[in-house]
Amino acid sequence: MTNALPVSNLRRDVTLPEQRQRLYDVRVGTWLLFIAFLVLCMVIVGGATRLTDSGLSITHWSPIHGAIPPLNAEQWAQEFALYRQIPEYQLQNKGMSLGEFQFIFWWEWAHRLLGRVVGLAFAIPLIVFAVMRHLRPSMTPWLIGMFALGGLQGFIGWWMVSSGLSGDRLDVAAYRLATHLSLAILLMSLALWTALDLLTPKQAHQGDAKVAPWAIGFVIFLAVQIVLGAFVAGTDAGLVNNDWPTFAGGLYPKDYAALSPIWRNFVENTSTIQFNHRLGAYGIGIFMVLVWLQTRKSSQRDIVLWGHAVAILVACQMLLGISTLIGFGRWAPPQIEGVLLGVAHQGLGAILFASAMMLMRASLKPKVHPLKLAV
């Protein structure tokens, strides 16, 4: 005689559908991890595009037709003729050869093509998963909203580029670049957050009410620092005052408030913009120590691990930021060494922000997560 339970007690009518849904969650979560990786690649290629002064090389926006690059000498001549009409060529690159133009064209074309790839990589699987009923009911509007943000990012990209095509500007407007970069990093973080919500059961962590306010505050502080960094990139403020720990030989910029009205210094004065970014970095370092001390006290293992990870990333990012600043003094972009330093600094910044979001996710109670996955 065996002690086997009756089949009715196994409740297969409940467990099997849920097991099937968990399998679907893993598939969708893995797809979203890939989307997050693609967006990170876009951030890196976008940084290289900015550092090589390639962003204005394509002077028109054709979402579909623009995916095909020039295929013959006549088409290259047409693209080059359009570029010669904008201020960047006339005031900065006059006399540029066709070969030099092709170099910057390919960077911008690759950045735009990658954006199209991200859009297709999101839209097609989303439709397939929806048709195959792999998505939980609460996920569909959330994922559609993420796709809409991605579409908005395309419009913002052109809005940014268009700001540098007229007047006497040699670059895009810094505040538009900051908007474009910030939204890209937000999209990457949301894709990663959603993926982990799908791959990790909600019961896997319980949050920590003591750590949560610190983690939220750190994410907000880091978001501000990213915006400050985008203004550094948008105004080429990283190419001046390349000494550290001093600033132009002193402790602070003597021309911090040189422009009038004073608010212009925060968006136009390169000394002010770089100094603010430096102060933000020091603040991030101090804040991270306080956050790390809080995470060490937590009983939740994932919070402790994310706390260690974010602390290490902050230390690496600060060292890389200092190296980039000093390196720009020797290898100002578009020299390859300077481009590599700048791209590494921007890419690591995106990874740091996503990791900080994961720390915040781990510290919050599951009920406040953007997805309600319980069935």
Protein backbone atom coordinates (compact mmCIF):
# COMPACT_ATOMS: atom_id res chain seq x y z
CA MET A 1 0.00 0.00 0.00
CA THR A 2 1.39 3.40 -0.94
CA ASN A 3 0.98 6.81 0.68
CA ALA A 4 0.41 8.59 -2.63
CA LEU A 5 -2.03 11.48 -2.50
CA PRO A 6 -5.18 11.35 -4.57
CA VAL A 7 -4.85 13.02 -7.95
CA SER A 8 -7.52 15.51 -6.93
CA ASN A 9 -5.25 16.80 -4.16
CA LEU A 10 -2.52 17.81 -6.66
CA ARG A 11 -4.67 20.71 -7.92
CA ARG A 12 -3.28 20.36 -11.41
CA ASP A 13 -6.07 22.52 -12.74
CA VAL A 14 -4.44 25.43 -10.88
CA THR A 15 -0.73 24.69 -11.02
CA LEU A 16 -0.35 23.78 -14.68
CA PRO A 17 -1.80 27.02 -16.11
CA GLU A 18 0.37 29.02 -13.73
CA GLN A 19 3.45 27.00 -14.67
CA ARG A 20 2.70 27.70 -18.31
CA GLN A 21 2.33 31.41 -17.58
CA ARG A 22 5.66 31.40 -15.74
CA LEU A 23 7.26 29.96 -18.87
CA TYR A 24 5.71 32.76 -20.91
CA ASP A 25 7.01 35.30 -18.37
CA VAL A 26 10.55 33.98 -18.82
CA ARG A 27 10.29 34.36 -22.60
CA VAL A 28 8.95 37.91 -22.40
CA GLY A 29 11.44 38.86 -19.68
CA THR A 30 14.37 37.57 -21.73
CA TRP A 31 13.16 39.59 -24.70
CA LEU A 32 13.01 42.74 -22.56
CA LEU A 33 16.56 42.12 -21.29
CA PHE A 34 17.64 42.13 -24.95
CA ILE A 35 15.76 45.40 -25.51
CA ALA A 36 17.56 46.96 -22.53
CA PHE A 37 20.88 45.85 -24.02
CA LEU A 38 20.00 47.37 -27.41
CA VAL A 39 19.10 50.69 -25.80
CA LEU A 40 22.43 50.66 -23.93
CA CYS A 41 24.14 50.16 -27.31
CA MET A 42 22.20 53.16 -28.61
CA VAL A 43 23.42 55.30 -25.71
CA ILE A 44 27.03 54.28 -26.44
CA VAL A 45 26.76 54.86 -30.21
CA GLY A 46 24.99 58.16 -29.52
CA GLY A 47 27.90 59.21 -27.32
CA ALA A 48 30.36 58.37 -30.08
CA THR A 49 28.21 60.31 -32.56
CA ARG A 50 28.33 63.37 -30.34
CA LEU A 51 32.07 63.12 -29.63
CA THR A 52 32.94 62.80 -33.32
CA ASP A 53 30.72 65.79 -34.21
CA SER A 54 28.66 63.53 -36.47
CA GLY A 55 25.17 64.32 -35.25
CA LEU A 56 24.39 66.99 -37.84
CA SER A 57 25.75 65.12 -40.85
CA ILE A 58 22.26 63.96 -41.94
CA THR A 59 20.16 67.09 -42.35
CA HIS A 60 16.78 65.45 -42.97
CA TRP A 61 14.59 62.94 -41.18
CA SER A 62 13.05 60.09 -43.16
CA PRO A 63 11.91 57.40 -40.72
CA ILE A 64 11.55 54.70 -43.41
CA HIS A 65 13.46 55.80 -46.51
CA GLY A 66 16.32 57.09 -44.39
CA ALA A 67 17.31 53.53 -43.49
CA ILE A 68 18.92 53.23 -46.95
CA PRO A 69 22.29 55.06 -47.13
CA PRO A 70 23.65 56.68 -50.30
CA LEU A 71 24.41 53.93 -52.82
CA ASN A 72 26.25 55.77 -55.58
CA ALA A 73 28.37 58.85 -56.21
CA GLU A 74 25.38 60.98 -57.17
CA GLN A 75 23.54 60.25 -53.93
CA TRP A 76 26.67 60.95 -51.87
CA ALA A 77 27.06 64.26 -53.68
CA GLN A 78 23.45 65.16 -52.83
CA GLU A 79 23.93 64.36 -49.13
CA PHE A 80 27.17 66.32 -49.01
CA ALA A 81 25.52 69.29 -50.74
CA LEU A 82 22.81 69.36 -48.06
CA TYR A 83 25.42 69.26 -45.30
CA ARG A 84 27.36 72.16 -46.86
CA GLN A 85 24.31 74.37 -46.38
CA ILE A 86 24.25 74.20 -42.56
CA PRO A 87 26.25 76.41 -40.16
CA GLU A 88 28.43 73.57 -38.87
CA TYR A 89 30.01 73.16 -42.29
CA GLN A 90 30.17 76.82 -43.17
CA LEU A 91 31.62 77.98 -39.85
CA GLN A 92 33.60 74.96 -38.67
CA ASN A 93 34.19 72.35 -41.38
CA LYS A 94 34.49 74.43 -44.54
CA GLY A 95 36.70 72.65 -47.05
CA MET A 96 35.90 69.19 -45.66
CA SER A 97 36.48 66.42 -48.20
CA LEU A 98 33.85 63.90 -49.25
CA GLY A 99 35.76 61.17 -47.42
CA GLU A 100 35.74 63.18 -44.18
CA PHE A 101 32.03 63.79 -44.60
CA GLN A 102 31.39 60.07 -45.14
CA PHE A 103 33.15 59.30 -41.84
CA ILE A 104 30.77 61.45 -39.80
CA PHE A 105 27.78 60.42 -41.94
CA TRP A 106 28.24 56.74 -41.12
CA TRP A 107 28.27 57.43 -37.37
CA GLU A 108 24.95 59.28 -37.51
CA TRP A 109 23.46 56.77 -39.92
CA ALA A 110 24.45 53.88 -37.61
CA HIS A 111 22.85 55.66 -34.65
CA ARG A 112 19.60 56.17 -36.52
CA LEU A 113 19.63 52.63 -37.91
CA LEU A 114 20.09 51.22 -34.41
CA GLY A 115 17.07 53.25 -33.33
CA ARG A 116 15.02 51.63 -36.08
CA VAL A 117 16.31 48.19 -35.05
CA VAL A 118 15.24 48.83 -31.45
CA GLY A 119 11.78 49.85 -32.64
CA LEU A 120 11.34 46.69 -34.74
CA ALA A 121 12.86 44.49 -32.03
CA PHE A 122 10.22 45.85 -29.65
CA ALA A 123 7.18 46.03 -31.93
CA ILE A 124 7.34 42.66 -33.71
CA PRO A 125 7.80 40.43 -30.61
CA LEU A 126 5.21 42.51 -28.74
CA ILE A 127 2.64 41.75 -31.43
CA VAL A 128 3.64 38.05 -31.52
CA PHE A 129 3.46 37.69 -27.74
CA ALA A 130 0.07 39.44 -27.68
CA VAL A 131 -1.36 37.21 -30.44
CA MET A 132 -0.02 34.06 -28.73
CA ARG A 133 -1.50 35.25 -25.41
CA HIS A 134 1.83 35.17 -23.64
CA LEU A 135 1.23 38.52 -21.92
CA ARG A 136 -0.47 38.88 -18.56
CA PRO A 137 -3.42 41.30 -18.77
CA SER A 138 -1.71 43.98 -16.69
CA MET A 139 1.38 43.93 -18.92
CA THR A 140 -0.18 44.93 -22.23
CA PRO A 141 -0.87 48.64 -21.52
CA TRP A 142 2.48 48.96 -19.74
CA LEU A 143 4.41 47.57 -22.73
CA ILE A 144 2.40 49.67 -25.18
CA GLY A 145 3.30 52.71 -23.10
CA MET A 146 6.99 51.76 -23.28
CA PHE A 147 6.72 51.40 -27.06
CA ALA A 148 5.06 54.82 -27.27
CA LEU A 149 7.95 56.32 -25.27
CA GLY A 150 10.34 54.73 -27.75
CA GLY A 151 8.45 56.34 -30.62
CA LEU A 152 8.54 59.66 -28.81
CA GLN A 153 12.30 59.22 -28.49
CA GLY A 154 12.57 59.18 -32.28
CA PHE A 155 10.73 62.50 -32.53
CA ILE A 156 12.88 63.97 -29.75
CA GLY A 157 16.00 62.84 -31.62
CA TRP A 158 14.98 64.82 -34.68
CA TRP A 159 13.86 67.74 -32.51
CA MET A 160 17.38 67.72 -31.09
CA VAL A 161 19.13 67.51 -34.46
CA SER A 162 16.97 70.21 -36.02
CA SER A 163 18.16 72.72 -33.41
CA GLY A 164 21.64 72.66 -34.95
CA LEU A 165 20.67 73.06 -38.59
CA SER A 166 19.95 76.79 -38.71
CA GLY A 167 21.06 80.13 -37.31
CA ASP A 168 24.67 80.28 -36.21
CA ARG A 169 24.72 77.10 -34.08
CA LEU A 170 27.54 74.59 -34.45
CA ASP A 171 25.92 72.01 -32.18
CA VAL A 172 22.49 70.86 -31.09
CA ALA A 173 20.77 72.63 -28.20
CA ALA A 174 22.13 71.23 -24.94
CA TYR A 175 18.72 71.00 -23.25
CA ARG A 176 17.41 68.96 -26.18
CA LEU A 177 20.39 66.63 -25.98
CA ALA A 178 19.76 66.26 -22.24
CA THR A 179 16.13 65.32 -22.94
CA HIS A 180 17.16 62.77 -25.58
CA LEU A 181 19.80 61.12 -23.40
CA SER A 182 17.67 61.09 -20.25
CA LEU A 183 14.73 59.42 -22.00
CA ALA A 184 17.02 56.76 -23.50
CA ILE A 185 18.44 55.84 -20.09
CA LEU A 186 14.94 55.84 -18.59
CA LEU A 187 13.71 53.47 -21.31
CA MET A 188 16.64 51.13 -20.72
CA SER A 189 15.96 51.10 -16.98
CA LEU A 190 12.23 50.48 -17.43
CA ALA A 191 12.91 47.56 -19.77
CA LEU A 192 15.32 46.07 -17.24
CA TRP A 193 12.92 46.66 -14.34
CA THR A 194 10.04 45.03 -16.21
CA ALA A 195 12.22 42.09 -17.25
CA LEU A 196 13.20 41.39 -13.66
CA ASP A 197 9.57 41.66 -12.54
CA LEU A 198 8.82 38.89 -15.03
CA LEU A 199 11.86 36.72 -14.37
CA THR A 200 11.74 36.99 -10.57
CA PRO A 201 8.58 35.97 -8.68
CA LYS A 202 7.10 38.78 -6.61
CA GLN A 203 7.60 36.80 -3.42
CA ALA A 204 11.38 36.74 -3.99
CA HIS A 205 11.84 39.94 -1.99
CA GLN A 206 9.88 41.86 0.59
CA GLY A 207 11.47 45.29 0.29
CA ASP A 208 12.99 47.34 3.07
CA ALA A 209 11.19 50.44 4.33
CA LYS A 210 14.41 51.86 5.82
CA VAL A 211 16.43 51.56 2.60
CA ALA A 212 13.68 52.62 0.17
CA PRO A 213 13.78 56.41 0.86
CA TRP A 214 17.57 56.42 0.47
CA ALA A 215 17.39 54.45 -2.75
CA ILE A 216 14.69 56.71 -4.21
CA GLY A 217 16.64 59.83 -3.25
CA PHE A 218 19.80 58.43 -4.81
CA VAL A 219 18.02 57.69 -8.10
CA ILE A 220 16.65 61.25 -8.21
CA PHE A 221 20.08 62.72 -7.42
CA LEU A 222 21.67 60.52 -10.09
CA ALA A 223 19.06 61.60 -12.66
CA VAL A 224 19.96 65.25 -12.00
CA GLN A 225 23.64 64.40 -12.39
CA ILE A 226 22.97 62.74 -15.76
CA VAL A 227 21.20 65.89 -16.95
CA LEU A 228 24.17 67.97 -15.80
CA GLY A 229 26.46 65.61 -17.70
CA ALA A 230 24.32 65.98 -20.82
CA PHE A 231 24.79 69.76 -20.63
CA VAL A 232 28.55 69.17 -20.39
CA ALA A 233 28.37 67.09 -23.57
CA GLY A 234 26.03 69.50 -25.34
CA THR A 235 28.23 72.56 -24.73
CA ASP A 236 31.65 70.82 -25.03
CA ALA A 237 32.30 71.93 -21.45
CA GLY A 238 34.50 68.89 -20.90
CA LEU A 239 37.12 70.33 -23.26
CA VAL A 240 38.02 73.23 -20.96
CA ASN A 241 39.52 73.38 -17.46
CA ASN A 242 41.10 69.94 -17.75
CA ASP A 243 42.99 70.01 -14.47
CA TRP A 244 41.94 68.10 -11.34
CA PRO A 245 41.43 68.40 -8.37
CA THR A 246 41.92 72.10 -9.04
CA PHE A 247 39.66 74.02 -11.38
CA ALA A 248 41.56 76.23 -13.85
CA GLY A 249 44.30 76.35 -11.21
CA GLY A 250 41.91 77.35 -8.40
CA LEU A 251 39.17 75.89 -6.28
CA TYR A 252 36.25 77.21 -8.33
CA PRO A 253 35.64 79.06 -11.63
CA LYS A 254 36.22 82.78 -11.36
CA ASP A 255 33.64 83.35 -14.09
CA TYR A 256 30.93 81.21 -12.48
CA ALA A 257 28.30 83.99 -12.79
CA ALA A 258 29.82 85.94 -15.68
CA LEU A 259 26.70 85.90 -17.87
CA SER A 260 23.56 87.92 -17.31
CA PRO A 261 20.84 87.10 -16.45
CA ILE A 262 22.40 84.59 -14.08
CA TRP A 263 20.37 81.59 -15.28
CA ARG A 264 22.25 81.68 -18.59
CA ASN A 265 25.38 80.49 -16.80
CA PHE A 266 23.75 77.16 -16.03
CA VAL A 267 23.04 76.41 -19.70
CA GLU A 268 25.67 78.42 -21.63
CA ASN A 269 28.72 79.10 -19.43
CA THR A 270 31.04 76.12 -19.93
CA SER A 271 32.93 76.79 -16.69
CA THR A 272 29.71 76.86 -14.68
CA ILE A 273 28.32 73.77 -16.39
CA GLN A 274 31.45 71.71 -15.81
CA PHE A 275 31.84 72.89 -12.21
CA ASN A 276 28.22 71.95 -11.44
CA HIS A 277 28.83 68.48 -12.87
CA ARG A 278 31.94 68.12 -10.70
CA LEU A 279 30.01 69.16 -7.60
CA GLY A 280 27.29 66.70 -8.50
CA ALA A 281 29.86 63.91 -8.76
CA TYR A 282 31.20 64.70 -5.28
CA GLY A 283 27.64 64.74 -3.96
CA ILE A 284 26.89 61.38 -5.61
CA GLY A 285 29.98 59.90 -3.96
CA ILE A 286 29.00 61.10 -0.50
CA PHE A 287 25.36 60.07 -0.96
CA MET A 288 26.42 56.62 -2.14
CA VAL A 289 28.42 56.02 1.04
CA LEU A 290 25.31 56.81 3.10
CA VAL A 291 23.13 54.57 0.93
CA TRP A 292 25.67 51.76 1.10
CA LEU A 293 25.76 51.95 4.90
CA GLN A 294 21.97 51.59 4.92
CA THR A 295 21.96 48.62 2.55
CA ARG A 296 24.52 46.78 4.69
CA LYS A 297 22.00 46.74 7.55
CA SER A 298 19.26 45.18 5.46
CA SER A 299 18.15 41.59 5.99
CA GLN A 300 17.31 41.30 2.28
CA ARG A 301 20.15 39.67 0.35
CA ASP A 302 19.30 41.29 -2.99
CA ILE A 303 19.38 44.75 -1.40
CA VAL A 304 22.83 44.08 0.06
CA LEU A 305 24.12 42.82 -3.29
CA TRP A 306 22.71 45.75 -5.27
CA GLY A 307 24.11 48.13 -2.66
CA HIS A 308 27.60 46.69 -3.17
CA ALA A 309 27.20 46.78 -6.95
CA VAL A 310 26.08 50.41 -7.07
CA ALA A 311 28.85 51.49 -4.68
CA ILE A 312 31.48 49.84 -6.88
CA LEU A 313 30.00 51.39 -10.02
CA VAL A 314 29.98 54.86 -8.44
CA ALA A 315 33.66 54.52 -7.53
CA CYS A 316 34.53 53.34 -11.04
CA GLN A 317 32.47 56.11 -12.65
CA MET A 318 34.14 58.81 -10.56
CA LEU A 319 37.61 57.50 -11.46
CA LEU A 320 36.62 57.27 -15.12
CA GLY A 321 35.16 60.79 -15.02
CA ILE A 322 38.43 62.19 -13.67
CA SER A 323 40.40 60.22 -16.28
CA THR A 324 38.10 61.52 -19.03
CA LEU A 325 38.48 65.13 -17.89
CA ILE A 326 42.26 64.94 -17.76
CA GLY A 327 42.41 62.85 -20.94
CA PHE A 328 40.41 65.44 -22.88
CA GLY A 329 43.19 67.89 -22.12
CA ARG A 330 45.57 65.64 -24.04
CA TRP A 331 43.30 63.83 -26.50
CA ALA A 332 40.41 66.16 -27.20
CA PRO A 333 37.73 64.47 -29.32
CA PRO A 334 37.48 63.58 -32.13
CA GLN A 335 40.84 61.94 -31.37
CA ILE A 336 40.18 58.25 -30.83
CA GLU A 337 41.54 58.19 -27.26
CA GLY A 338 39.25 61.01 -26.21
CA VAL A 339 36.26 59.42 -27.94
CA LEU A 340 36.85 56.11 -26.16
CA LEU A 341 37.10 57.83 -22.77
CA GLY A 342 33.95 59.85 -23.34
CA VAL A 343 31.96 56.87 -24.62
CA ALA A 344 33.06 54.73 -21.65
CA HIS A 345 32.03 57.48 -19.22
CA GLN A 346 28.58 57.84 -20.79
CA GLY A 347 28.01 54.10 -21.11
CA LEU A 348 29.03 53.41 -17.51
CA GLY A 349 26.76 56.24 -16.39
CA ALA A 350 23.80 54.51 -18.07
CA ILE A 351 24.71 51.20 -16.41
CA LEU A 352 25.05 52.94 -13.04
CA PHE A 353 21.60 54.52 -13.32
CA ALA A 354 20.01 51.21 -14.29
CA SER A 355 21.71 49.54 -11.32
CA ALA A 356 20.47 52.27 -8.99
CA MET A 357 16.96 51.63 -10.32
CA MET A 358 17.41 47.95 -9.50
CA LEU A 359 18.44 48.84 -5.95
CA MET A 360 15.33 50.98 -5.65
CA ARG A 361 13.23 48.13 -7.05
CA ALA A 362 14.65 45.70 -4.49
CA SER A 363 13.94 48.09 -1.62
CA LEU A 364 10.32 48.77 -2.56
CA LYS A 365 7.42 46.59 -1.58
CA PRO A 366 6.30 44.47 -4.56
CA LYS A 367 2.87 46.12 -4.61
CA VAL A 368 4.37 49.42 -5.80
CA HIS A 369 6.07 47.86 -8.80
CA PRO A 370 4.80 49.01 -12.20
CA LEU A 371 3.48 45.53 -13.02
CA LYS A 372 0.87 43.61 -11.04
CA LEU A 373 1.74 40.10 -12.04
CA ALA A 374 -0.37 38.11 -9.60
CA VAL A 375 -3.13 36.05 -11.14
